[in-house]
Amino acid sequence: MSIKRKEAQILGYKLLYDRTGKLVTERTSTDISKLKKFFTTEEYVTLQTILREATQKLDEVHDYIENSLNARKMTD
C-alpha cells in the first residue's frame, strides 16, 4: 500500500556532539527541483526563497558557534 504524504522535510539542521568533544553541524536539504511539478509557480518560487534565506541564516549560526568555540579554546 502506498501512502501519500502531505508534507516533506526540505531543510534540516543538526548539532552533533561526540564523546571526544567534537561538535559537528549537519545541514540537509532537498533538491526541490524534483518537487516542482507538485507546486504552482508562486509556491515553488516561495520555496526557493525560503531555502535560500534559511540556508544563509543557518550558515550564520554555524559560523557563530564555530567562532564562539574558537574564542573559548583560546582563553582556556
N, C-alpha and C. Protein backbone atom coordinates (compact mmCIF):
# COMPACT_ATOMS: atom_id res chain seq x y z
N MET A 1 0.84 -1.17 0.00
CA MET A 1 0.00 0.00 0.00
C MET A 1 0.90 1.24 0.00
N SER A 2 0.60 2.18 -0.86
CA SER A 2 1.36 3.41 -0.97
C SER A 2 0.67 4.50 -0.15
N ILE A 3 1.47 5.20 0.64
CA ILE A 3 0.93 6.28 1.47
C ILE A 3 1.39 7.60 0.87
N LYS A 4 0.43 8.48 0.58
CA LYS A 4 0.78 9.80 0.07
C LYS A 4 1.00 10.73 1.25
N ARG A 5 2.16 11.32 1.27
CA ARG A 5 2.50 12.24 2.36
C ARG A 5 1.97 13.63 2.04
N LYS A 6 1.65 14.35 3.08
CA LYS A 6 1.14 15.71 2.90
C LYS A 6 2.21 16.75 3.20
N GLU A 7 3.37 16.29 3.69
CA GLU A 7 4.46 17.21 3.96
C GLU A 7 5.78 16.52 3.68
N ALA A 8 6.80 17.32 3.51
CA ALA A 8 8.14 16.78 3.26
C ALA A 8 9.15 17.69 3.94
N GLN A 9 10.19 17.09 4.46
CA GLN A 9 11.26 17.88 5.05
C GLN A 9 12.11 18.43 3.91
N ILE A 10 12.22 19.74 3.85
CA ILE A 10 13.03 20.34 2.79
C ILE A 10 14.36 20.88 3.30
N LEU A 11 14.45 21.07 4.62
CA LEU A 11 15.69 21.55 5.20
C LEU A 11 15.80 21.05 6.63
N GLY A 12 16.95 20.54 6.99
CA GLY A 12 17.18 20.07 8.35
C GLY A 12 18.53 20.56 8.84
N TYR A 13 18.64 20.74 10.15
CA TYR A 13 19.89 21.22 10.75
C TYR A 13 20.08 20.49 12.07
N LYS A 14 21.28 19.96 12.26
CA LYS A 14 21.57 19.24 13.50
C LYS A 14 22.89 19.73 14.08
N LEU A 15 22.95 19.73 15.39
CA LEU A 15 24.20 19.93 16.12
C LEU A 15 24.53 18.59 16.76
N LEU A 16 25.68 18.05 16.42
CA LEU A 16 26.09 16.75 16.95
C LEU A 16 27.33 16.93 17.81
N TYR A 17 27.36 16.25 18.92
CA TYR A 17 28.48 16.34 19.86
C TYR A 17 28.88 14.92 20.22
N ASP A 18 30.17 14.60 20.04
CA ASP A 18 30.59 13.23 20.36
C ASP A 18 31.40 13.18 21.64
N ARG A 19 31.76 12.00 22.05
CA ARG A 19 32.45 11.81 23.33
C ARG A 19 33.86 12.38 23.36
N THR A 20 34.42 12.66 22.19
CA THR A 20 35.76 13.25 22.16
C THR A 20 35.70 14.77 22.29
N GLY A 21 34.50 15.31 22.37
CA GLY A 21 34.34 16.75 22.49
C GLY A 21 34.22 17.47 21.15
N LYS A 22 34.04 16.70 20.11
CA LYS A 22 33.93 17.30 18.78
C LYS A 22 32.48 17.69 18.51
N LEU A 23 32.29 18.94 18.08
CA LEU A 23 30.98 19.44 17.73
C LEU A 23 30.90 19.54 16.21
N VAL A 24 29.83 19.00 15.66
CA VAL A 24 29.65 18.99 14.21
C VAL A 24 28.27 19.54 13.90
N THR A 25 28.19 20.40 12.90
CA THR A 25 26.88 20.84 12.42
C THR A 25 26.60 20.11 11.12
N GLU A 26 25.37 19.75 10.95
CA GLU A 26 24.97 19.00 9.76
C GLU A 26 23.71 19.62 9.18
N ARG A 27 23.78 20.00 7.93
CA ARG A 27 22.61 20.56 7.26
C ARG A 27 22.24 19.66 6.09
N THR A 28 20.97 19.34 6.00
CA THR A 28 20.48 18.55 4.87
C THR A 28 19.40 19.37 4.18
N SER A 29 19.38 19.27 2.87
CA SER A 29 18.32 19.96 2.14
C SER A 29 17.88 19.09 0.97
N THR A 30 16.66 19.31 0.57
CA THR A 30 16.07 18.57 -0.52
C THR A 30 16.24 19.34 -1.82
N ASP A 31 16.50 18.62 -2.89
CA ASP A 31 16.54 19.23 -4.21
C ASP A 31 15.09 19.48 -4.62
N ILE A 32 14.62 20.71 -4.40
CA ILE A 32 13.20 20.97 -4.64
C ILE A 32 12.85 20.99 -6.13
N SER A 33 13.84 21.00 -7.00
CA SER A 33 13.53 20.98 -8.43
C SER A 33 12.76 19.70 -8.79
N LYS A 34 12.99 18.63 -8.03
CA LYS A 34 12.26 17.38 -8.27
C LYS A 34 10.80 17.47 -7.81
N LEU A 35 10.50 18.47 -7.00
CA LEU A 35 9.14 18.64 -6.48
C LEU A 35 8.36 19.70 -7.23
N LYS A 36 8.99 20.35 -8.19
CA LYS A 36 8.38 21.48 -8.89
C LYS A 36 7.00 21.15 -9.47
N LYS A 37 6.83 19.96 -9.98
CA LYS A 37 5.56 19.58 -10.62
C LYS A 37 4.39 19.54 -9.64
N PHE A 38 4.68 19.51 -8.34
CA PHE A 38 3.62 19.44 -7.34
C PHE A 38 3.16 20.81 -6.85
N PHE A 39 3.83 21.87 -7.30
CA PHE A 39 3.55 23.22 -6.81
C PHE A 39 3.17 24.17 -7.93
N THR A 40 2.43 25.20 -7.56
CA THR A 40 2.20 26.28 -8.50
C THR A 40 3.53 27.04 -8.65
N THR A 41 3.62 27.86 -9.66
CA THR A 41 4.84 28.65 -9.87
C THR A 41 5.12 29.52 -8.64
N GLU A 42 4.09 30.14 -8.10
CA GLU A 42 4.25 31.00 -6.93
C GLU A 42 4.75 30.21 -5.71
N GLU A 43 4.18 29.05 -5.48
CA GLU A 43 4.62 28.21 -4.36
C GLU A 43 6.08 27.79 -4.52
N TYR A 44 6.43 27.42 -5.73
CA TYR A 44 7.80 26.97 -5.99
C TYR A 44 8.81 28.09 -5.77
N VAL A 45 8.50 29.28 -6.26
CA VAL A 45 9.39 30.43 -6.08
C VAL A 45 9.49 30.77 -4.59
N THR A 46 8.38 30.66 -3.87
CA THR A 46 8.40 30.90 -2.42
C THR A 46 9.31 29.90 -1.72
N LEU A 47 9.21 28.63 -2.09
CA LEU A 47 10.08 27.61 -1.50
C LEU A 47 11.55 27.89 -1.80
N GLN A 48 11.85 28.30 -3.02
CA GLN A 48 13.23 28.63 -3.37
C GLN A 48 13.75 29.76 -2.47
N THR A 49 12.92 30.77 -2.27
CA THR A 49 13.31 31.90 -1.43
C THR A 49 13.51 31.46 0.02
N ILE A 50 12.61 30.65 0.52
CA ILE A 50 12.72 30.16 1.90
C ILE A 50 14.01 29.37 2.07
N LEU A 51 14.30 28.47 1.14
CA LEU A 51 15.51 27.66 1.24
C LEU A 51 16.77 28.53 1.18
N ARG A 52 16.79 29.50 0.29
CA ARG A 52 17.94 30.39 0.17
C ARG A 52 18.16 31.18 1.47
N GLU A 53 17.09 31.78 1.99
CA GLU A 53 17.20 32.60 3.19
C GLU A 53 17.54 31.76 4.42
N ALA A 54 16.90 30.60 4.55
CA ALA A 54 17.16 29.73 5.70
C ALA A 54 18.59 29.20 5.66
N THR A 55 19.07 28.86 4.48
CA THR A 55 20.45 28.37 4.34
C THR A 55 21.43 29.45 4.76
N GLN A 56 21.17 30.67 4.34
CA GLN A 56 22.06 31.79 4.72
C GLN A 56 22.08 31.97 6.25
N LYS A 57 20.93 31.92 6.88
CA LYS A 57 20.86 32.09 8.34
C LYS A 57 21.52 30.92 9.06
N LEU A 58 21.34 29.71 8.57
CA LEU A 58 21.97 28.56 9.20
C LEU A 58 23.49 28.63 9.06
N ASP A 59 23.98 29.17 7.95
CA ASP A 59 25.42 29.39 7.81
C ASP A 59 25.91 30.37 8.86
N GLU A 60 25.11 31.41 9.13
CA GLU A 60 25.46 32.39 10.16
C GLU A 60 25.51 31.72 11.54
N VAL A 61 24.54 30.86 11.82
CA VAL A 61 24.51 30.14 13.10
C VAL A 61 25.76 29.27 13.22
N HIS A 62 26.08 28.54 12.15
CA HIS A 62 27.28 27.69 12.15
C HIS A 62 28.53 28.51 12.43
N ASP A 63 28.69 29.63 11.74
CA ASP A 63 29.86 30.49 11.94
C ASP A 63 29.91 31.05 13.35
N TYR A 64 28.75 31.44 13.89
CA TYR A 64 28.70 31.98 15.25
C TYR A 64 29.15 30.94 16.27
N ILE A 65 28.64 29.74 16.15
CA ILE A 65 29.01 28.66 17.07
C ILE A 65 30.50 28.34 16.94
N GLU A 66 30.97 28.23 15.72
CA GLU A 66 32.38 27.93 15.48
C GLU A 66 33.28 29.02 16.07
N ASN A 67 32.93 30.28 15.86
CA ASN A 67 33.73 31.39 16.40
C ASN A 67 33.69 31.41 17.92
N SER A 68 32.55 31.10 18.50
CA SER A 68 32.43 31.07 19.96
C SER A 68 33.30 29.97 20.55
N LEU A 69 33.30 28.82 19.91
CA LEU A 69 34.14 27.71 20.39
C LEU A 69 35.62 28.03 20.23
N ASN A 70 35.98 28.65 19.12
CA ASN A 70 37.38 29.01 18.90
C ASN A 70 37.84 30.04 19.92
N ALA A 71 37.02 31.01 20.25
CA ALA A 71 37.37 32.02 21.24
C ALA A 71 37.52 31.36 22.62
N ARG A 72 36.66 30.42 22.93
CA ARG A 72 36.71 29.73 24.22
C ARG A 72 37.99 28.92 24.34
N LYS A 73 38.39 28.24 23.27
CA LYS A 73 39.61 27.44 23.30
C LYS A 73 40.84 28.30 23.54
N MET A 74 40.82 29.52 22.98
CA MET A 74 41.97 30.41 23.10
C MET A 74 42.12 30.93 24.51
N THR A 75 41.00 31.05 25.28
CA THR A 75 41.06 31.60 26.62
C THR A 75 41.22 30.53 27.68
N ASP A 76 41.02 29.27 27.33
CA ASP A 76 41.14 28.18 28.32
C ASP A 76 42.59 27.89 28.66
